[in-house]
Each structure stands twice: as C-alpha cells, then as structure tokens.
C-alpha cells in the first residue's frame, strides 16, 4: 500500500468575502488543510482513495469557523479470482445550495453518493466474456432533500475480443430510483441498452457507445432517447495529448457526482460544484476538447467545452453553458514554480432569459526549499457579470502558505 499526503497552512485575505455587488466586506482568515492519496494494487485488493479536509478560522467572524472536505474512493475486493469481486465506491463533494447565487460558505452543502455491489465474471467461449454487476446506491444531500434517494441497479455486459487492441461489447443496464420524499420527486425506472466499440492504436484510442435509453415513471408516463457517447484520444507527440469527447444521453445529478471518479493525484483544495442539485433526470448534450502538453520546464492544459441540459420533469429552467479552462505551470530557476489558472464560463437559462458570465484568474508562485517543504504566494480574482441588474460581482483574494509533502 502506498500513502501520500500533504499538510499545509496559511493566511488568506479576501476583499469581498460576502460577494456583494456593492459595499464589499473584507476578511482575513487562517487556513489549514490535509490532502491524501492511498493506493493499493494486489491480487486481492485494488484501492484508490483520495480526499482533503480544510479548516477555516475567520478572524472578523464574518462566517462561522468551518471544516469542509471531499472524498473520492474505489475499493475492489477479489473474492474468487476471475470469477467474483465486490466493489465499494464513494464520492463526497461540496455542492452549491442555490446555483443562482455566487459561491460562499453559506451557499455550500455536503453531497454524498455511495455504491456497493458484486461483480460476477463468466466465460462464453475463448474470446467471449460476460460480466454481471449489481449495485445498491445511496444519494444524500445536506440541504437539498429532493436529491436523497435509494437506488438498485444491475448491468449485464458481454464482450467479444477481436485483437489485443480491439473489442466490442453489448450492454444492458437497469436502475430503480426511489426518492426519499415523493412530494419533491417522481420515482422512476431507467433502462439502457447499447453497444460499445473500443480500438487502440499506437497513437490513437477510440471508444464509441451507441444505443437507446428509456425512463418509466412509477406514477405513469415515460421518456426515451438515443444514447450516444464517443471519445477519441490522440498522442500528438512525445509530450502532447489531444482528447475529444461527445455525449448525448439521459443523466441526473447523482450520475454527475459519481462521474467525477477517482484520481491519481492529491487534492490541494476542496472544490465546489456549482451545478444544480435537482431530482429530475435530464437530457444532456456535451462536447469538450482537451489538449495537454507536459515538458521538462513547461506543462500546459487547455479545455474548451459546451453543454446543454434539458430537464425532463422539474420546474428548473433548462440551461446551456460554454467555456474554457486553461492551466499552465512553468519551472523557473532556483526551484521556483509559476502557475497560471484561467476559467471562463457562460451560462444561459431558458424561459427566465437569465444569463451569467464568470471569469476566474489565478497566479501562484511556489518556492521548493527541499523535497518535502515549500512556500507559496497566490493571487486569485473572480468576476461575475449577470443579465440581472445589480448582480455583478468582483472579488480579489491573496493567500500565503507553507506546505509539507511526505514524498
């Protein structure tokens, strides 16, 4: 088992801690945090668990002192090799309570999606393999009760291996969604049937899902839609990679949390998801392009995207969003690391004729004194322009910190 962790502490100054359009209030507060990554890959246990906890001590008591955290984990226990395993997954994150309001400590809640169940593998021939999955899923939100539910699902997959880099699978999935409060949400059953083709070349990777989905409400009525997903990876050079993703499918807030997935990096901050936490399923169309370059001195990642969400049975207005993410790290002389972050997005809400454009800019300079110790100085600016009069916001944040890594 490998355990990596980071301890950090610092002081932050915020010139508009309440995110007010006018008469901003400034605040200075102390921060302390710990992030970790635990991995194990043995014949019996495969585990990948990462998380972080942040403590904030507000000096002027603008907000109550708080502890916020996130957790992403997957543990697979092999009971019978090549026959039976048991998988447990958990995704804990911070979500906005009101997506129309800017992010602040008063507009955050803990949201958790937990799933567990067995995986049964069986052979149907020399190149034909079968997999039966069963899952119990529990979704829970700290404030938004309409999100809370119990779900039972099963999936049957049959895969034909053509070559070492080419295979085709037929997939059938079924899920029963039972919300805790039937006055706030409609229970339903969802069925997905699709074929997946995967091909790996020397510098290309291709994955395509094509099929159909149907949602049947327990109280009557149904909705159906084609299911289309595609991903193309291209190793453009020895140091650069390009990925293209296209999605047209049914989804919901629980799947959105679960799709965050596990990572192989330690989280250095607790992120806040600003998407809507509705009970309703929605029709999602999403397209993104990602370019990454990793060099000796320079690392760069750029991702433009477009997304449209059409809710099936909620009063929430449909929305479309577009934007781009940019991250750049440059290693300077004297163990100095310069980082630049940019996040620009625009959201338009149907029916309400409301739109918002957000821009986040960040610059940080890190000095590494040894393999374990470093200090950093960071500046962050947030701007939000709203179509509603008097809702524009500006915020500047400075943060100085010290960090210890065990590796």
Protein backbone atom coordinates (compact mmCIF):
# COMPACT_ATOMS: atom_id res chain seq x y z
CA UNK A 1 0.00 0.00 0.00
CA UNK A 2 1.24 3.50 -0.87
CA UNK A 3 0.13 6.51 1.18
CA UNK A 4 0.91 10.07 0.02
CA UNK A 5 -0.19 13.14 1.93
CA UNK A 6 0.22 16.92 2.08
CA UNK A 7 -0.11 19.23 5.11
CA UNK A 8 -0.47 22.96 4.54
CA UNK A 9 -1.35 26.10 6.47
CA UNK A 10 -1.60 29.77 5.59
CA UNK A 11 -3.32 33.13 5.82
CA UNK A 12 -5.85 34.40 3.28
CA UNK A 13 -7.15 37.91 2.65
CA UNK A 14 -10.45 38.37 0.79
CA UNK A 15 -11.57 41.89 -0.22
CA UNK A 16 -15.20 40.80 -0.85
CA UNK A 17 -15.82 37.78 1.34
CA UNK A 18 -19.63 38.17 1.19
CA UNK A 19 -19.56 38.51 -2.63
CA UNK A 20 -21.66 41.66 -2.57
CA UNK A 21 -22.28 43.73 -5.73
CA UNK A 22 -21.73 46.91 -3.71
CA UNK A 23 -20.05 47.91 -0.42
CA UNK A 24 -17.79 44.82 -0.22
CA UNK A 25 -16.71 43.44 3.16
CA UNK A 26 -13.09 42.30 3.58
CA UNK A 27 -11.95 39.43 5.81
CA UNK A 28 -8.69 37.80 6.87
CA UNK A 29 -8.72 34.17 7.95
CA UNK A 30 -6.34 31.37 8.76
CA UNK A 31 -6.44 28.13 6.79
CA UNK A 32 -5.10 24.67 7.48
CA UNK A 33 -5.61 21.54 5.43
CA UNK A 34 -4.58 17.98 4.73
CA UNK A 35 -4.84 16.09 1.46
CA UNK A 36 -4.10 12.42 0.89
CA UNK A 37 -3.95 9.66 -1.70
CA UNK A 38 -3.99 5.94 -0.81
CA UNK A 39 -3.36 3.28 -3.43
CA UNK A 40 -3.05 -0.48 -3.40
CA UNK A 41 -2.84 -2.90 -6.29
CA UNK A 42 -2.60 -6.53 -5.17
CA UNK A 43 -4.21 -9.70 -6.45
CA UNK A 44 -6.89 -9.43 -3.73
CA UNK A 45 -7.42 -5.69 -3.14
CA UNK A 46 -7.34 -2.83 -5.66
CA UNK A 47 -7.91 0.52 -3.97
CA UNK A 48 -7.67 4.18 -4.91
CA UNK A 49 -8.87 6.69 -2.29
CA UNK A 50 -8.14 10.42 -2.25
CA UNK A 51 -9.51 13.24 -0.15
CA UNK A 52 -8.97 16.54 1.58
CA UNK A 53 -10.17 18.46 4.64
CA UNK A 54 -9.84 22.25 5.05
CA UNK A 55 -10.28 24.26 8.25
CA UNK A 56 -11.02 28.00 8.13
CA UNK A 57 -10.77 30.35 11.13
CA UNK A 58 -12.37 33.72 10.29
CA UNK A 59 -10.67 36.50 12.27
CA UNK A 60 -13.54 39.02 11.95
CA UNK A 61 -16.29 36.37 12.37
CA UNK A 62 -17.91 37.18 9.02
CA UNK A 63 -18.67 33.47 8.79
CA UNK A 64 -18.66 30.74 11.39
CA UNK A 65 -15.38 28.81 11.52
CA UNK A 66 -15.81 25.73 9.38
CA UNK A 67 -14.36 22.41 8.21
CA UNK A 68 -15.01 21.36 4.61
CA UNK A 69 -13.97 18.17 2.91
CA UNK A 70 -14.13 15.94 -0.13
CA UNK A 71 -13.52 12.24 -0.69
CA UNK A 72 -13.26 10.07 -3.78
CA UNK A 73 -12.68 6.37 -3.41
CA UNK A 74 -12.99 2.99 -5.06
CA UNK A 75 -12.11 -0.34 -3.43
CA UNK A 76 -12.41 -3.67 -5.24
CA UNK A 77 -12.08 -6.95 -3.33
CA UNK A 78 -11.45 -10.08 -5.39
CA UNK A 79 -13.22 -12.93 -3.61
CA UNK A 80 -12.68 -15.56 -6.34
CA UNK A 81 -10.04 -14.70 -8.97
CA UNK A 82 -11.54 -14.16 -12.45
CA UNK A 83 -14.99 -15.09 -11.11
CA UNK A 84 -16.28 -12.87 -8.29
CA UNK A 85 -15.36 -9.48 -6.84
CA UNK A 86 -17.05 -6.87 -4.67
CA UNK A 87 -16.79 -3.12 -5.35
CA UNK A 88 -17.40 -0.19 -2.99
CA UNK A 89 -17.31 3.39 -4.27
CA UNK A 90 -17.94 6.72 -2.56
CA UNK A 91 -17.97 10.31 -3.84
CA UNK A 92 -18.25 13.10 -1.27
CA UNK A 93 -18.10 16.69 -2.53
CA UNK A 94 -19.20 20.24 -1.88
CA UNK A 95 -22.19 21.44 -3.93
CA UNK A 96 -23.90 24.78 -4.24
CA UNK A 97 -27.26 25.09 -2.47
CA UNK A 98 -28.55 27.80 -4.81
CA UNK A 99 -26.89 27.72 -8.22
CA UNK A 100 -28.12 31.26 -8.98
CA UNK A 101 -26.11 32.66 -6.06
CA UNK A 102 -22.32 33.03 -6.08
CA UNK A 103 -20.14 30.60 -4.15
CA UNK A 104 -19.76 31.38 -0.45
CA UNK A 105 -19.58 29.34 2.81
CA UNK A 106 -23.33 29.94 3.29
CA UNK A 107 -24.10 28.51 -0.16
CA UNK A 108 -22.41 25.11 0.21
CA UNK A 109 -23.58 21.68 1.27
CA UNK A 110 -22.07 18.22 1.58
CA UNK A 111 -23.31 15.78 -1.07
CA UNK A 112 -22.51 12.07 -1.00
CA UNK A 113 -23.07 9.22 -3.47
CA UNK A 114 -22.28 5.74 -2.12
CA UNK A 115 -22.49 2.50 -4.11
CA UNK A 116 -21.65 -1.13 -3.35
CA UNK A 117 -22.22 -4.47 -5.01
CA UNK A 118 -20.81 -7.68 -6.51
CA UNK A 119 -19.34 -8.38 -9.95
CA UNK A 120 -19.75 -11.86 -11.41
CA UNK A 121 -17.47 -12.81 -14.33
CA UNK A 122 -18.28 -15.77 -16.61
CA UNK A 123 -16.87 -17.15 -19.86
CA UNK A 124 -18.87 -17.85 -23.02
CA UNK A 125 -16.00 -19.02 -25.19
CA UNK A 126 -12.33 -18.39 -25.89
CA UNK A 127 -12.88 -14.74 -26.88
CA UNK A 128 -16.32 -14.04 -25.39
CA UNK A 129 -16.57 -12.86 -21.78
CA UNK A 130 -19.58 -11.97 -19.65
CA UNK A 131 -19.99 -9.69 -16.63
CA UNK A 132 -22.98 -9.28 -14.31
CA UNK A 133 -22.92 -6.26 -11.97
CA UNK A 134 -25.35 -5.48 -9.13
CA UNK A 135 -25.33 -2.24 -7.19
CA UNK A 136 -27.03 -0.55 -4.27
CA UNK A 137 -26.65 3.25 -4.49
CA UNK A 138 -27.48 5.80 -1.79
CA UNK A 139 -27.55 9.53 -2.54
CA UNK A 140 -27.65 12.11 0.24
CA UNK A 141 -27.51 15.92 0.32
CA UNK A 142 -27.06 18.01 3.44
CA UNK A 143 -29.73 20.58 2.47
CA UNK A 144 -31.40 19.67 -0.84
CA UNK A 145 -33.71 16.85 0.35
CA UNK A 146 -35.13 16.31 -3.15
CA UNK A 147 -31.78 14.72 -4.09
CA UNK A 148 -31.90 11.98 -1.43
CA UNK A 149 -32.70 8.52 -2.79
CA UNK A 150 -32.08 4.79 -2.70
CA UNK A 151 -31.28 3.07 -6.00
CA UNK A 152 -30.92 -0.53 -7.08
CA UNK A 153 -29.24 -1.36 -10.33
CA UNK A 154 -27.95 -4.24 -12.39
CA UNK A 155 -25.96 -4.48 -15.60
CA UNK A 156 -25.18 -7.34 -17.98
CA UNK A 157 -22.19 -6.99 -20.32
CA UNK A 158 -20.92 -9.40 -22.97
CA UNK A 159 -17.57 -8.59 -24.60
CA UNK A 160 -16.03 -10.00 -27.77
CA UNK A 161 -12.23 -9.58 -28.00
CA UNK A 162 -11.16 -9.36 -31.66
CA UNK A 163 -7.49 -8.44 -31.20
CA UNK A 164 -5.36 -7.19 -28.31
CA UNK A 165 -6.43 -3.64 -29.17
CA UNK A 166 -9.97 -4.15 -30.47
CA UNK A 167 -13.18 -5.31 -28.77
CA UNK A 168 -16.97 -4.99 -28.97
CA UNK A 169 -19.40 -5.29 -26.04
CA UNK A 170 -23.18 -5.43 -25.71
CA UNK A 171 -24.50 -3.78 -22.55
CA UNK A 172 -27.85 -3.82 -20.79
CA UNK A 173 -28.40 -1.66 -17.67
CA UNK A 174 -31.42 -1.21 -15.41
CA UNK A 175 -31.88 1.03 -12.35
CA UNK A 176 -34.78 1.57 -9.94
CA UNK A 177 -34.74 5.06 -8.37
CA UNK A 178 -36.72 5.56 -5.15
CA UNK A 179 -36.62 9.11 -3.75
CA UNK A 180 -36.99 9.63 -0.01
CA UNK A 181 -39.61 12.37 -0.45
CA UNK A 182 -42.16 11.58 -3.15
CA UNK A 183 -43.68 15.04 -2.83
CA UNK A 184 -40.46 16.58 -4.18
CA UNK A 185 -39.56 14.00 -6.82
CA UNK A 186 -41.02 11.26 -9.04
CA UNK A 187 -39.72 7.71 -8.69
CA UNK A 188 -38.74 6.03 -11.93
CA UNK A 189 -37.02 3.08 -13.56
CA UNK A 190 -34.35 3.57 -16.21
CA UNK A 191 -33.24 1.08 -18.87
CA UNK A 192 -30.19 1.48 -21.11
CA UNK A 193 -29.16 -0.82 -23.96
CA UNK A 194 -26.08 -0.01 -26.01
CA UNK A 195 -23.11 -1.41 -27.89
CA UNK A 196 -19.57 -0.25 -27.15
CA UNK A 197 -16.69 -0.47 -29.60
CA UNK A 198 -13.13 0.18 -28.41
CA UNK A 199 -9.99 0.32 -30.55
CA UNK A 200 -6.46 1.14 -29.50
CA UNK A 201 -3.77 2.11 -32.00
CA UNK A 202 -0.15 3.10 -31.42
CA UNK A 203 -1.07 6.78 -31.06
CA UNK A 204 -4.89 6.70 -31.13
CA UNK A 205 -7.58 5.44 -28.79
CA UNK A 206 -11.24 5.26 -29.79
CA UNK A 207 -14.36 4.44 -27.76
CA UNK A 208 -17.95 4.66 -29.09
CA UNK A 209 -21.26 3.85 -27.32
CA UNK A 210 -24.46 3.67 -29.36
CA UNK A 211 -27.87 2.57 -28.10
CA UNK A 212 -31.13 3.67 -26.52
CA UNK A 213 -32.41 4.76 -23.08
CA UNK A 214 -35.89 4.81 -21.57
CA UNK A 215 -37.22 6.25 -18.31
CA UNK A 216 -40.54 4.89 -16.97
CA UNK A 217 -42.16 6.85 -14.12
CA UNK A 218 -43.92 4.84 -11.42
CA UNK A 219 -46.85 7.26 -11.50
CA UNK A 220 -47.22 6.89 -15.27
CA UNK A 221 -45.56 8.25 -18.37
CA UNK A 222 -42.19 7.60 -19.96
CA UNK A 223 -39.37 9.32 -21.85
CA UNK A 224 -36.91 7.79 -24.31
CA UNK A 225 -33.86 8.99 -26.20
CA UNK A 226 -30.89 7.64 -28.19
CA UNK A 227 -27.72 7.07 -26.18
CA UNK A 228 -24.55 8.22 -27.95
CA UNK A 229 -21.11 8.65 -26.39
CA UNK A 230 -17.74 8.95 -28.05
CA UNK A 231 -14.14 9.61 -27.02
CA UNK A 232 -11.04 9.99 -29.16
CA UNK A 233 -7.53 10.18 -27.69
CA UNK A 234 -4.57 11.14 -29.86
CA UNK A 235 -0.95 11.09 -28.71
CA UNK A 236 0.02 14.05 -30.88
CA UNK A 237 3.67 13.91 -29.85
CA UNK A 238 6.03 12.56 -27.24
CA UNK A 239 4.84 15.24 -24.79
CA UNK A 240 1.38 16.26 -26.04
CA UNK A 241 -2.04 14.62 -25.98
CA UNK A 242 -5.40 15.59 -27.51
CA UNK A 243 -8.82 14.26 -26.39
CA UNK A 244 -12.27 14.81 -27.88
CA UNK A 245 -15.46 13.84 -26.02
CA UNK A 246 -19.06 13.94 -27.32
CA UNK A 247 -22.11 12.86 -25.27
CA UNK A 248 -25.86 12.69 -25.98
CA UNK A 249 -27.65 10.83 -23.17
CA UNK A 250 -30.00 10.85 -20.20
CA UNK A 251 -28.30 11.69 -16.92
CA UNK A 252 -29.04 13.16 -13.48
CA UNK A 253 -27.32 14.93 -10.59
CA UNK A 254 -26.34 11.67 -8.88
CA UNK A 255 -24.58 10.42 -12.01
CA UNK A 256 -22.88 13.81 -12.31
CA UNK A 257 -21.37 13.41 -8.84
CA UNK A 258 -20.44 9.77 -9.43
CA UNK A 259 -18.79 10.50 -12.80
CA UNK A 260 -16.20 12.66 -11.04
CA UNK A 261 -14.36 9.37 -10.47
CA UNK A 262 -11.11 8.67 -8.68
CA UNK A 263 -7.81 10.38 -9.49
CA UNK A 264 -4.14 9.60 -9.07
CA UNK A 265 -3.30 12.99 -7.57
CA UNK A 266 -3.59 14.55 -4.11
CA UNK A 267 -6.28 17.28 -3.96
CA UNK A 268 -4.75 20.60 -2.89
CA UNK A 269 -8.08 22.36 -2.32
CA UNK A 270 -11.74 21.50 -1.72
CA UNK A 271 -13.59 22.28 -4.93
CA UNK A 272 -17.23 23.41 -5.05
CA UNK A 273 -19.54 22.12 -7.77
CA UNK A 274 -21.92 24.87 -8.87
CA UNK A 275 -24.30 22.70 -10.94
CA UNK A 276 -27.94 22.30 -9.98
CA UNK A 277 -28.80 19.53 -7.49
CA UNK A 278 -32.24 18.59 -8.85
CA UNK A 279 -34.07 15.29 -8.52
CA UNK A 280 -35.13 15.35 -12.16
CA UNK A 281 -33.28 13.42 -14.82
CA UNK A 282 -32.19 15.48 -17.79
CA UNK A 283 -31.20 15.15 -21.42
CA UNK A 284 -27.52 16.01 -21.62
CA UNK A 285 -25.54 17.05 -24.68
CA UNK A 286 -21.88 17.73 -24.02
CA UNK A 287 -18.84 18.33 -26.20
CA UNK A 288 -15.30 19.01 -25.00
CA UNK A 289 -11.81 19.20 -26.41
CA UNK A 290 -8.76 18.79 -24.19
CA UNK A 291 -5.14 19.45 -25.08
CA UNK A 292 -2.29 18.68 -22.66
CA UNK A 293 1.43 19.26 -23.04
CA UNK A 294 3.96 18.03 -20.48
CA UNK A 295 7.52 19.26 -20.92
CA UNK A 296 10.64 19.44 -18.82
CA UNK A 297 10.04 23.06 -17.84
CA UNK A 298 6.52 23.79 -19.10
CA UNK A 299 3.22 21.99 -18.60
CA UNK A 300 0.02 23.20 -20.26
CA UNK A 301 -3.61 22.07 -20.33
CA UNK A 302 -6.43 23.71 -22.31
CA UNK A 303 -10.07 22.56 -22.41
CA UNK A 304 -12.95 24.31 -24.20
CA UNK A 305 -16.43 22.80 -23.73
CA UNK A 306 -20.14 23.16 -24.47
CA UNK A 307 -23.04 21.59 -22.57
CA UNK A 308 -26.83 21.71 -22.74
CA UNK A 309 -29.17 20.29 -20.07
CA UNK A 310 -32.89 19.83 -20.74
CA UNK A 311 -34.72 18.76 -17.56
CA UNK A 312 -37.46 16.17 -18.05
CA UNK A 313 -39.92 16.95 -15.24
CA UNK A 314 -38.62 19.74 -12.98
CA UNK A 315 -39.50 23.44 -12.84
CA UNK A 316 -35.78 24.16 -13.11
CA UNK A 317 -35.09 26.11 -16.31
CA UNK A 318 -33.12 24.30 -18.98
CA UNK A 319 -29.63 25.64 -19.44
CA UNK A 320 -26.73 25.75 -21.82
CA UNK A 321 -23.18 26.51 -20.81
CA UNK A 322 -19.90 27.01 -22.59
CA UNK A 323 -16.42 27.97 -21.53
CA UNK A 324 -12.76 27.12 -21.40
CA UNK A 325 -10.20 26.07 -18.79
CA UNK A 326 -6.50 26.90 -19.01
CA UNK A 327 -3.76 25.70 -16.68
CA UNK A 328 -0.05 26.48 -17.12
CA UNK A 329 2.93 25.55 -14.94
CA UNK A 330 6.46 26.77 -15.62
CA UNK A 331 9.54 25.66 -13.71
CA UNK A 332 11.91 28.57 -13.20
CA UNK A 333 15.45 28.72 -11.86
CA UNK A 334 16.05 28.28 -8.15
CA UNK A 335 13.27 25.69 -7.62
CA UNK A 336 10.58 28.28 -8.39
CA UNK A 337 7.33 27.08 -9.96
CA UNK A 338 4.99 29.60 -11.61
CA UNK A 339 1.35 28.61 -12.12
CA UNK A 340 -1.36 30.38 -14.12
CA UNK A 341 -5.05 29.33 -13.99
CA UNK A 342 -7.97 30.66 -16.02
CA UNK A 343 -11.62 29.54 -16.03
CA UNK A 344 -14.12 31.41 -18.22
CA UNK A 345 -17.74 30.25 -18.49
CA UNK A 346 -21.12 31.47 -19.67
CA UNK A 347 -24.49 30.00 -18.62
CA UNK A 348 -27.83 30.83 -20.25
CA UNK A 349 -31.12 29.77 -18.63
CA UNK A 350 -34.14 29.14 -20.85
CA UNK A 351 -37.53 30.72 -20.08
CA UNK A 352 -36.09 33.05 -17.43
CA UNK A 353 -33.99 34.94 -20.01
CA UNK A 354 -31.18 34.97 -17.46
CA UNK A 355 -27.52 34.60 -18.27
CA UNK A 356 -24.29 34.80 -16.31
CA UNK A 357 -20.67 35.05 -17.34
CA UNK A 358 -17.98 34.11 -14.82
CA UNK A 359 -14.25 34.62 -15.06
CA UNK A 360 -11.66 33.26 -12.66
CA UNK A 361 -7.98 34.15 -12.91
CA UNK A 362 -5.23 32.85 -10.67
CA UNK A 363 -1.46 33.20 -10.40
CA UNK A 364 0.71 31.37 -7.86
CA UNK A 365 4.43 31.26 -7.21
CA UNK A 366 5.83 28.29 -5.28
CA UNK A 367 9.33 28.01 -3.83
CA UNK A 368 10.53 24.48 -3.06
CA UNK A 369 13.13 24.53 -0.30
CA UNK A 370 13.56 20.76 -0.18
CA UNK A 371 11.89 17.56 -1.34
CA UNK A 372 9.34 17.95 1.48
CA UNK A 373 8.98 21.68 2.23
CA UNK A 374 7.71 24.58 0.11
CA UNK A 375 6.09 28.00 0.45
CA UNK A 376 3.77 29.76 -1.96
CA UNK A 377 2.14 33.10 -2.69
CA UNK A 378 -1.10 33.10 -4.69
CA UNK A 379 -3.47 35.70 -6.15
CA UNK A 380 -6.98 34.94 -7.35
CA UNK A 381 -9.61 37.15 -8.99
CA UNK A 382 -13.27 36.32 -9.57
CA UNK A 383 -15.65 38.30 -11.79
CA UNK A 384 -19.32 37.60 -12.46
CA UNK A 385 -21.50 39.57 -14.87
CA UNK A 386 -25.24 38.86 -14.71
CA UNK A 387 -28.07 39.86 -17.01
CA UNK A 388 -29.93 40.93 -13.86
CA UNK A 389 -29.27 44.49 -12.84
CA UNK A 390 -27.18 44.96 -9.70
CA UNK A 391 -25.85 41.36 -9.62
CA UNK A 392 -22.30 41.93 -10.96
CA UNK A 393 -19.57 40.83 -8.54
CA UNK A 394 -15.82 41.42 -8.23
CA UNK A 395 -13.51 39.68 -5.75
CA UNK A 396 -9.74 39.59 -5.11
CA UNK A 397 -8.04 37.01 -2.89
CA UNK A 398 -4.41 36.76 -1.69
CA UNK A 399 -3.04 33.65 0.02
CA UNK A 400 0.37 32.89 1.52
CA UNK A 401 1.06 29.36 2.76
CA UNK A 402 3.59 26.73 3.78
CA UNK A 403 3.33 23.10 2.68
CA UNK A 404 4.84 19.74 3.67
CA UNK A 405 4.77 16.67 1.38
CA UNK A 406 5.74 13.23 2.65
CA UNK A 407 7.18 12.34 -0.80
